[in-house]
PDB file of N, CA and C in Angstrom:
ATOM      1  N   UNK A   1      -0.173   8.815  17.571  1.00  0.00           N
ATOM      2  CA  UNK A   1      -0.915   8.988  19.201  1.00  0.00           C
ATOM      3  C   UNK A   1      -0.233   8.694  19.994  1.00  0.00           C
ATOM      4  N   UNK A   2      -0.586   7.565  19.806  1.00  0.00           N
ATOM      5  CA  UNK A   2      -0.589   6.377  21.285  1.00  0.00           C
ATOM      6  C   UNK A   2       0.665   6.386  21.523  1.00  0.00           C
ATOM      7  N   UNK A   3       2.403   6.377  20.433  1.00  0.00           N
ATOM      8  CA  UNK A   3       3.055   6.252  21.220  1.00  0.00           C
ATOM      9  C   UNK A   3       4.001   7.595  22.165  1.00  0.00           C
ATOM     10  N   UNK A   4       3.072   8.425  21.682  1.00  0.00           N
ATOM     11  CA  UNK A   4       3.315  10.096  22.433  1.00  0.00           C
ATOM     12  C   UNK A   4       2.618   9.834  23.713  1.00  0.00           C
ATOM     13  N   UNK A   5       1.028   9.370  23.757  1.00  0.00           N
ATOM     14  CA  UNK A   5       0.873   9.051  25.051  1.00  0.00           C
ATOM     15  C   UNK A   5       1.775   8.300  26.194  1.00  0.00           C
ATOM     16  N   UNK A   6       2.070   6.728  25.616  1.00  0.00           N
ATOM     17  CA  UNK A   6       3.050   6.172  26.391  1.00  0.00           C
ATOM     18  C   UNK A   6       4.189   7.116  27.296  1.00  0.00           C
ATOM     19  N   UNK A   7       5.213   7.205  26.528  1.00  0.00           N
ATOM     20  CA  UNK A   7       6.641   8.425  25.857  1.00  0.00           C
ATOM     21  C   UNK A   7       5.874   9.551  26.975  1.00  0.00           C
ATOM     22  N   UNK A   8       5.017   9.986  27.130  1.00  0.00           N
ATOM     23  CA  UNK A   8       4.980  11.314  28.132  1.00  0.00           C
ATOM     24  C   UNK A   8       4.361  10.902  29.842  1.00  0.00           C
ATOM     25  N   UNK A   9       3.402   9.422  29.548  1.00  0.00           N
ATOM     26  CA  UNK A   9       3.011   9.259  30.759  1.00  0.00           C
ATOM     27  C   UNK A   9       3.753   8.369  31.585  1.00  0.00           C
ATOM     28  N   UNK A  10       4.722   8.015  30.819  1.00  0.00           N
ATOM     29  CA  UNK A  10       5.623   6.990  31.541  1.00  0.00           C
ATOM     30  C   UNK A  10       6.970   7.480  32.196  1.00  0.00           C
ATOM     31  N   UNK A  11       6.946   8.919  31.985  1.00  0.00           N
ATOM     32  CA  UNK A  11       8.264   9.718  32.851  1.00  0.00           C
ATOM     33  C   UNK A  11       8.087   9.571  33.982  1.00  0.00           C
ATOM     34  N   UNK A  12       9.077   9.211  35.059  1.00  0.00           N
ATOM     35  CA  UNK A  12       9.342   9.364  36.225  1.00  0.00           C
ATOM     36  C   UNK A  12       8.408  10.429  37.033  1.00  0.00           C
ATOM     37  N   UNK A  13       8.955  11.790  36.569  1.00  0.00           N
ATOM     38  CA  UNK A  13       8.959  12.886  37.139  1.00  0.00           C
ATOM     39  C   UNK A  13       8.306  13.682  35.975  1.00  0.00           C
ATOM     40  N   UNK A  14       6.882  13.823  35.428  1.00  0.00           N
ATOM     41  CA  UNK A  14       7.344  15.117  34.613  1.00  0.00           C
ATOM     42  C   UNK A  14       6.703  16.213  34.968  1.00  0.00           C
ATOM     43  N   UNK A  15       7.151  17.202  33.940  1.00  0.00           N
ATOM     44  CA  UNK A  15       7.180  18.924  34.515  1.00  0.00           C
ATOM     45  C   UNK A  15       5.686  18.737  34.419  1.00  0.00           C
ATOM     46  N   UNK A  16       5.430  20.386  34.795  1.00  0.00           N
ATOM     47  CA  UNK A  16       3.924  20.856  34.425  1.00  0.00           C
ATOM     48  C   UNK A  16       3.402  20.789  33.101  1.00  0.00           C
ATOM     49  N   UNK A  17       4.100  21.228  31.895  1.00  0.00           N
ATOM     50  CA  UNK A  17       3.884  21.007  30.769  1.00  0.00           C
ATOM     51  C   UNK A  17       3.335  20.047  30.188  1.00  0.00           C
ATOM     52  N   UNK A  18       3.929  18.851  30.491  1.00  0.00           N
ATOM     53  CA  UNK A  18       3.201  17.437  30.531  1.00  0.00           C
ATOM     54  C   UNK A  18       2.237  17.170  31.067  1.00  0.00           C
ATOM     55  N   UNK A  19       2.163  17.027  32.502  1.00  0.00           N
ATOM     56  CA  UNK A  19       0.787  17.112  33.169  1.00  0.00           C
ATOM     57  C   UNK A  19       0.056  17.810  32.631  1.00  0.00           C
ATOM     58  N   UNK A  20       0.061  18.946  31.806  1.00  0.00           N
ATOM     59  CA  UNK A  20      -0.734  19.844  31.133  1.00  0.00           C
ATOM     60  C   UNK A  20      -1.167  18.886  29.968  1.00  0.00           C
ATOM     61  N   UNK A  21      -0.473  18.528  29.114  1.00  0.00           N
ATOM     62  CA  UNK A  21      -0.665  17.984  28.192  1.00  0.00           C
ATOM     63  C   UNK A  21      -1.485  16.740  27.611  1.00  0.00           C
ATOM     64  N   UNK A  22      -1.545  16.231  28.652  1.00  0.00           N
ATOM     65  CA  UNK A  22      -2.162  14.510  28.705  1.00  0.00           C
ATOM     66  C   UNK A  22      -3.429  15.123  28.608  1.00  0.00           C
ATOM     67  N   UNK A  23      -4.141  15.546  29.497  1.00  0.00           N
ATOM     68  CA  UNK A  23      -5.567  15.513  29.383  1.00  0.00           C
ATOM     69  C   UNK A  23      -6.088  16.150  27.555  1.00  0.00           C
ATOM     70  N   UNK A  24      -5.039  17.589  27.280  1.00  0.00           N
ATOM     71  CA  UNK A  24      -5.802  18.081  26.214  1.00  0.00           C
ATOM     72  C   UNK A  24      -5.481  16.721  25.108  1.00  0.00           C
ATOM     73  N   UNK A  25      -4.243  16.074  25.566  1.00  0.00           N
ATOM     74  CA  UNK A  25      -3.872  14.634  24.167  1.00  0.00           C
ATOM     75  C   UNK A  25      -5.128  13.662  24.604  1.00  0.00           C
ATOM     76  N   UNK A  26      -5.308  13.592  25.340  1.00  0.00           N
ATOM     77  CA  UNK A  26      -6.714  12.463  25.543  1.00  0.00           C
ATOM     78  C   UNK A  26      -7.770  13.186  24.555  1.00  0.00           C
ATOM     79  N   UNK A  27      -8.341  14.876  24.937  1.00  0.00           N
ATOM     80  CA  UNK A  27      -9.309  15.141  24.349  1.00  0.00           C
ATOM     81  C   UNK A  27      -9.140  15.231  22.518  1.00  0.00           C
ATOM     82  N   UNK A  28      -7.956  15.676  22.490  1.00  0.00           N
ATOM     83  CA  UNK A  28      -8.002  15.542  21.057  1.00  0.00           C
ATOM     84  C   UNK A  28      -7.816  14.220  20.210  1.00  0.00           C
ATOM     85  N   UNK A  29      -7.506  13.173  20.950  1.00  0.00           N
ATOM     86  CA  UNK A  29      -7.900  11.732  20.320  1.00  0.00           C
ATOM     87  C   UNK A  29      -9.306  11.435  20.561  1.00  0.00           C
ATOM     88  N   UNK A  30     -10.200  11.682  21.316  1.00  0.00           N
ATOM     89  CA  UNK A  30     -11.654  11.723  21.362  1.00  0.00           C
ATOM     90  C   UNK A  30     -12.073  12.610  20.357  1.00  0.00           C
ATOM     91  N   UNK A  31     -11.846  13.707  19.940  1.00  0.00           N
ATOM     92  CA  UNK A  31     -12.643  14.561  19.164  1.00  0.00           C
ATOM     93  C   UNK A  31     -12.079  14.204  18.048  1.00  0.00           C
ATOM     94  N   UNK A  32     -11.113  13.515  17.381  1.00  0.00           N
ATOM     95  CA  UNK A  32     -10.669  13.145  16.382  1.00  0.00           C
ATOM     96  C   UNK A  32     -11.272  11.661  15.571  1.00  0.00           C
ATOM     97  N   UNK A  33     -11.615  10.844  16.928  1.00  0.00           N
ATOM     98  CA  UNK A  33     -12.482   9.609  16.640  1.00  0.00           C
ATOM     99  C   UNK A  33     -14.090  10.051  16.532  1.00  0.00           C
ATOM    100  N   UNK A  34     -14.674  10.612  17.477  1.00  0.00           N
ATOM    101  CA  UNK A  34     -15.797  11.713  17.180  1.00  0.00           C
ATOM    102  C   UNK A  34     -16.181  12.022  15.676  1.00  0.00           C
ATOM    103  N   UNK A  35     -15.324  12.757  15.334  1.00  0.00           N
ATOM    104  CA  UNK A  35     -15.024  13.520  13.863  1.00  0.00           C
ATOM    105  C   UNK A  35     -15.418  12.802  12.917  1.00  0.00           C
ATOM    106  N   UNK A  36     -14.649  11.099  12.895  1.00  0.00           N
ATOM    107  CA  UNK A  36     -14.280  10.316  12.164  1.00  0.00           C
ATOM    108  C   UNK A  36     -15.548   9.624  11.807  1.00  0.00           C
ATOM    109  N   UNK A  37     -16.252   9.765  12.971  1.00  0.00           N
ATOM    110  CA  UNK A  37     -17.420   8.586  13.094  1.00  0.00           C
ATOM    111  C   UNK A  37     -18.852   9.759  12.561  1.00  0.00           C
ATOM    112  N   UNK A  38     -18.547  10.530  13.130  1.00  0.00           N
ATOM    113  CA  UNK A  38     -19.652  11.272  12.233  1.00  0.00           C
ATOM    114  C   UNK A  38     -19.489  11.447  10.626  1.00  0.00           C
ATOM    115  N   UNK A  39     -18.302  11.554  10.117  1.00  0.00           N
ATOM    116  CA  UNK A  39     -18.297  11.462   8.861  1.00  0.00           C
ATOM    117  C   UNK A  39     -18.532  10.269   8.144  1.00  0.00           C
ATOM    118  N   UNK A  40     -18.802   9.437   8.891  1.00  0.00           N
ATOM    119  CA  UNK A  40     -18.663   8.238   8.310  1.00  0.00           C
ATOM    120  C   UNK A  40     -20.344   8.026   8.196  1.00  0.00           C
ATOM    121  N   UNK A  41     -21.002   8.569   9.295  1.00  0.00           N
ATOM    122  CA  UNK A  41     -22.511   8.541   9.391  1.00  0.00           C
ATOM    123  C   UNK A  41     -22.884   8.973   8.094  1.00  0.00           C
ATOM    124  N   UNK A  42     -22.610  10.826   8.523  1.00  0.00           N
ATOM    125  CA  UNK A  42     -23.321  11.384   7.574  1.00  0.00           C
ATOM    126  C   UNK A  42     -22.712  11.295   5.888  1.00  0.00           C
ATOM    127  N   UNK A  43     -21.560  10.615   5.492  1.00  0.00           N
ATOM    128  CA  UNK A  43     -21.321  10.700   4.210  1.00  0.00           C
ATOM    129  C   UNK A  43     -21.138   9.220   4.048  1.00  0.00           C
ATOM    130  N   UNK A  44     -21.798   8.284   3.628  1.00  0.00           N
ATOM    131  CA  UNK A  44     -21.651   6.351   3.734  1.00  0.00           C
ATOM    132  C   UNK A  44     -21.225   6.292   2.883  1.00  0.00           C
ATOM    133  N   UNK A  45     -21.431   6.976   1.413  1.00  0.00           N
ATOM    134  CA  UNK A  45     -20.639   6.986  -0.079  1.00  0.00           C
ATOM    135  C   UNK A  45     -18.977   7.212   0.002  1.00  0.00           C
ATOM    136  N   UNK A  46     -18.448   7.541   0.838  1.00  0.00           N
ATOM    137  CA  UNK A  46     -17.118   8.326   0.876  1.00  0.00           C
ATOM    138  C   UNK A  46     -16.008   6.641   0.735  1.00  0.00           C
ATOM    139  N   UNK A  47     -16.577   5.650   2.037  1.00  0.00           N
ATOM    140  CA  UNK A  47     -15.276   4.560   1.818  1.00  0.00           C
ATOM    141  C   UNK A  47     -15.620   4.121   0.274  1.00  0.00           C
ATOM    142  N   UNK A  48     -14.402   3.661   0.212  1.00  0.00           N
ATOM    143  CA  UNK A  48     -14.818   2.519  -1.217  1.00  0.00           C
ATOM    144  C   UNK A  48     -14.241   1.186  -0.906  1.00  0.00           C
ATOM    145  N   UNK A  49     -15.277   0.809  -1.348  1.00  0.00           N
ATOM    146  CA  UNK A  49     -14.857  -1.498  -1.512  1.00  0.00           C
ATOM    147  C   UNK A  49     -13.570  -1.420  -2.475  1.00  0.00           C
ATOM    148  N   UNK A  50     -13.005  -2.304  -1.739  1.00  0.00           N
ATOM    149  CA  UNK A  50     -11.847  -2.783  -2.420  1.00  0.00           C
ATOM    150  C   UNK A  50     -12.234  -3.478  -4.125  1.00  0.00           C
ATOM    151  N   UNK A  51     -11.759  -3.464  -4.879  1.00  0.00           N
ATOM    152  CA  UNK A  51     -12.344  -3.530  -6.194  1.00  0.00           C
ATOM    153  C   UNK A  51     -11.350  -5.391  -6.538  1.00  0.00           C
ATOM    154  N   UNK A  52     -10.637  -5.761  -5.844  1.00  0.00           N
ATOM    155  CA  UNK A  52     -10.180  -7.280  -6.653  1.00  0.00           C
ATOM    156  C   UNK A  52      -9.954  -7.778  -4.922  1.00  0.00           C
ATOM    157  N   UNK A  53      -9.919  -9.399  -4.695  1.00  0.00           N
ATOM    158  CA  UNK A  53      -9.427  -9.901  -3.471  1.00  0.00           C
ATOM    159  C   UNK A  53      -8.095  -9.284  -3.354  1.00  0.00           C
ATOM    160  N   UNK A  54      -6.704  -9.172  -4.199  1.00  0.00           N
ATOM    161  CA  UNK A  54      -5.696  -8.728  -4.225  1.00  0.00           C
ATOM    162  C   UNK A  54      -5.548  -7.284  -3.649  1.00  0.00           C
ATOM    163  N   UNK A  55      -6.754  -6.458  -3.633  1.00  0.00           N
ATOM    164  CA  UNK A  55      -6.286  -5.252  -3.181  1.00  0.00           C
ATOM    165  C   UNK A  55      -6.835  -5.607  -1.580  1.00  0.00           C
ATOM    166  N   UNK A  56      -7.124  -6.386  -1.304  1.00  0.00           N
ATOM    167  CA  UNK A  56      -7.960  -6.160   0.100  1.00  0.00           C
ATOM    168  C   UNK A  56      -6.751  -6.802   1.026  1.00  0.00           C
ATOM    169  N   UNK A  57      -6.021  -7.941   0.260  1.00  0.00           N
ATOM    170  CA  UNK A  57      -4.785  -9.069   0.457  1.00  0.00           C
ATOM    171  C   UNK A  57      -3.952  -7.664   1.227  1.00  0.00           C
ATOM    172  N   UNK A  58      -3.493  -7.302   0.285  1.00  0.00           N
ATOM    173  CA  UNK A  58      -2.461  -5.948   0.567  1.00  0.00           C
ATOM    174  C   UNK A  58      -3.089  -5.398   1.431  1.00  0.00           C
ATOM    175  N   UNK A  59      -4.068  -4.951   1.774  1.00  0.00           N
ATOM    176  CA  UNK A  59      -4.687  -3.776   2.869  1.00  0.00           C
ATOM    177  C   UNK A  59      -4.269  -4.887   4.154  1.00  0.00           C
ATOM    178  N   UNK A  60      -4.587  -5.768   4.049  1.00  0.00           N
ATOM    179  CA  UNK A  60      -4.311  -6.736   5.687  1.00  0.00           C
ATOM    180  C   UNK A  60      -2.903  -7.012   5.958  1.00  0.00           C
ATOM    181  N   UNK A  61      -2.320  -7.168   4.645  1.00  0.00           N
ATOM    182  CA  UNK A  61      -0.617  -7.363   5.063  1.00  0.00           C
ATOM    183  C   UNK A  61      -0.157  -6.033   5.343  1.00  0.00           C
ATOM    184  N   UNK A  62      -0.099  -5.007   4.699  1.00  0.00           N
ATOM    185  CA  UNK A  62       0.061  -4.070   5.580  1.00  0.00           C
ATOM    186  C   UNK A  62      -0.431  -3.312   6.058  1.00  0.00           C
ATOM    187  N   UNK A  63      -1.119  -3.479   6.627  1.00  0.00           N
ATOM    188  CA  UNK A  63      -2.079  -3.109   8.336  1.00  0.00           C
ATOM    189  C   UNK A  63      -1.733  -3.816   9.242  1.00  0.00           C
ATOM    190  N   UNK A  64      -1.234  -5.529   8.876  1.00  0.00           N
ATOM    191  CA  UNK A  64      -0.512  -6.198   9.553  1.00  0.00           C
ATOM    192  C   UNK A  64       0.907  -5.787  10.324  1.00  0.00           C
ATOM    193  N   UNK A  65       1.531  -5.241   9.404  1.00  0.00           N
ATOM    194  CA  UNK A  65       2.957  -5.035   8.894  1.00  0.00           C
ATOM    195  C   UNK A  65       2.986  -3.557   9.873  1.00  0.00           C
ATOM    196  N   UNK A  66       2.477  -2.942   9.506  1.00  0.00           N
ATOM    197  CA  UNK A  66       2.226  -1.788  10.330  1.00  0.00           C
ATOM    198  C   UNK A  66       1.613  -1.827  11.793  1.00  0.00           C
ATOM    199  N   UNK A  67       0.934  -2.604  12.315  1.00  0.00           N
ATOM    200  CA  UNK A  67       0.443  -2.581  13.796  1.00  0.00           C
ATOM    201  C   UNK A  67       1.712  -4.033  14.400  1.00  0.00           C
ATOM    202  N   UNK A  68       2.112  -3.976  13.775  1.00  0.00           N
ATOM    203  CA  UNK A  68       3.623  -4.933  14.546  1.00  0.00           C
ATOM    204  C   UNK A  68       4.477  -3.754  14.710  1.00  0.00           C
ATOM    205  N   UNK A  69       5.084  -3.414  14.284  1.00  0.00           N
ATOM    206  CA  UNK A  69       5.866  -2.014  14.438  1.00  0.00           C
ATOM    207  C   UNK A  69       5.250  -1.294  15.178  1.00  0.00           C
ATOM    208  N   UNK A  70       4.103  -1.121  15.290  1.00  0.00           N
ATOM    209  CA  UNK A  70       3.583  -0.059  16.388  1.00  0.00           C
ATOM    210  C   UNK A  70       4.019  -0.839  17.481  1.00  0.00           C
ATOM    211  N   UNK A  71       3.609  -2.005  17.573  1.00  0.00           N
ATOM    212  CA  UNK A  71       3.357  -2.699  19.117  1.00  0.00           C
ATOM    213  C   UNK A  71       4.733  -2.656  19.353  1.00  0.00           C
ATOM    214  N   UNK A  72       5.861  -3.136  18.592  1.00  0.00           N
ATOM    215  CA  UNK A  72       7.267  -3.149  18.970  1.00  0.00           C
ATOM    216  C   UNK A  72       7.601  -1.521  19.486  1.00  0.00           C
ATOM    217  N   UNK A  73       7.419  -0.873  18.818  1.00  0.00           N
ATOM    218  CA  UNK A  73       8.002   0.284  19.511  1.00  0.00           C
ATOM    219  C   UNK A  73       7.121   0.908  20.652  1.00  0.00           C
ATOM    220  N   UNK A  74       5.543   0.527  20.738  1.00  0.00           N
ATOM    221  CA  UNK A  74       5.285   0.713  22.574  1.00  0.00           C
ATOM    222  C   UNK A  74       6.375   0.126  23.607  1.00  0.00           C
ATOM    223  N   UNK A  75       6.499  -1.399  22.895  1.00  0.00           N
ATOM    224  CA  UNK A  75       6.951  -2.573  24.297  1.00  0.00           C
ATOM    225  C   UNK A  75       8.145  -1.694  24.195  1.00  0.00           C
ATOM    226  N   UNK A  76       9.413  -1.256  23.424  1.00  0.00           N
ATOM    227  CA  UNK A  76      10.349  -0.811  23.409  1.00  0.00           C
ATOM    228  C   UNK A  76      10.028   0.533  24.578  1.00  0.00           C
ATOM    229  N   UNK A  77       9.371   1.135  24.175  1.00  0.00           N
ATOM    230  CA  UNK A  77       9.039   2.520  24.834  1.00  0.00           C
ATOM    231  C   UNK A  77       8.906   2.181  27.028  1.00  0.00           C
ATOM    232  N   UNK A  78       8.253   1.685  26.886  1.00  0.00           N
ATOM    233  CA  UNK A  78       7.668   1.026  28.043  1.00  0.00           C
ATOM    234  C   UNK A  78       8.969  -0.041  28.805  1.00  0.00           C
ATOM    235  N   UNK A  79       9.738  -0.718  28.276  1.00  0.00           N
ATOM    236  CA  UNK A  79      10.545  -1.164  28.999  1.00  0.00           C
ATOM    237  C   UNK A  79      12.101  -0.495  29.216  1.00  0.00           C
ATOM    238  N   UNK A  80      11.910   0.453  28.647  1.00  0.00           N
ATOM    239  CA  UNK A  80      13.290   1.276  28.060  1.00  0.00           C
ATOM    240  C   UNK A  80      12.617   2.617  29.367  1.00  0.00           C
ATOM    241  N   UNK A  81      11.692   2.842  29.650  1.00  0.00           N
ATOM    242  CA  UNK A  81      11.073   3.584  30.809  1.00  0.00           C
ATOM    243  C   UNK A  81      11.326   2.723  32.125  1.00  0.00           C
ATOM    244  N   UNK A  82      11.294   0.993  32.002  1.00  0.00           N
ATOM    245  CA  UNK A  82      11.390   0.402  33.123  1.00  0.00           C
ATOM    246  C   UNK A  82      12.660   0.376  33.920  1.00  0.00           C
ATOM    247  N   UNK A  83      12.921   0.098  32.608  1.00  0.00           N
ATOM    248  CA  UNK A  83      15.517  -0.002  33.038  1.00  0.00           C
ATOM    249  C   UNK A  83      15.395   1.325  33.429  1.00  0.00           C
ATOM    250  N   UNK A  84      15.233   2.327  33.046  1.00  0.00           N
ATOM    251  CA  UNK A  84      15.718   3.727  33.132  1.00  0.00           C
ATOM    252  C   UNK A  84      14.903   3.807  34.122  1.00  0.00           C
ATOM    253  N   UNK A  85      14.055   3.699  34.963  1.00  0.00           N
ATOM    254  CA  UNK A  85      13.950   4.095  36.159  1.00  0.00           C
ATOM    255  C   UNK A  85      14.372   3.223  37.382  1.00  0.00           C
ATOM    256  N   UNK A  86      14.621   2.068  37.374  1.00  0.00           N
ATOM    257  CA  UNK A  86      15.693   1.652  37.525  1.00  0.00           C
ATOM    258  C   UNK A  86      14.445   0.130  38.262  1.00  0.00           C
ATOM    259  N   UNK A  87      13.431  -0.008  37.811  1.00  0.00           N
ATOM    260  CA  UNK A  87      11.868  -0.787  37.842  1.00  0.00           C
ATOM    261  C   UNK A  87      12.746  -2.248  38.629  1.00  0.00           C
ATOM    262  N   UNK A  88      13.345  -3.471  37.998  1.00  0.00           N
ATOM    263  CA  UNK A  88      13.546  -4.633  38.570  1.00  0.00           C
ATOM    264  C   UNK A  88      14.410  -4.590  39.941  1.00  0.00           C
ATOM    265  N   UNK A  89      15.503  -3.908  39.807  1.00  0.00           N
ATOM    266  CA  UNK A  89      16.317  -3.639  40.896  1.00  0.00           C
ATOM    267  C   UNK A  89      16.016  -2.685  42.161  1.00  0.00           C
ATOM    268  N   UNK A  90      14.954  -1.983  42.040  1.00  0.00           N
ATOM    269  CA  UNK A  90      14.318  -1.217  43.186  1.00  0.00           C
ATOM    270  C   UNK A  90      13.602  -2.445  44.540  1.00  0.00           C
ATOM    271  N   UNK A  91      13.088  -3.485  43.867  1.00  0.00           N
ATOM    272  CA  UNK A  91      12.750  -4.373  44.820  1.00  0.00           C
ATOM    273  C   UNK A  91      13.356  -5.364  45.576  1.00  0.00           C
TER     274      UNK A  91
END
């Protein structure tokens, strides 16, 4: 979701469809967060604890790797759009 938001918000001249998409996207993201928090409040027994320390370690390690990949992709989109718009050369 974050990559899509960056992709559509950094266009130099987005068309009307993409302008309309941005508020809809933010509303869908907010609704997603609200639903997840509500479900967590209503059903606290649904999440399961880690059974062993190795399970927790694997969760932390894979979460870190996925986060690094996501950050690299976001940085790539920002740099690519900045270069495409002639960012540094227009100053």
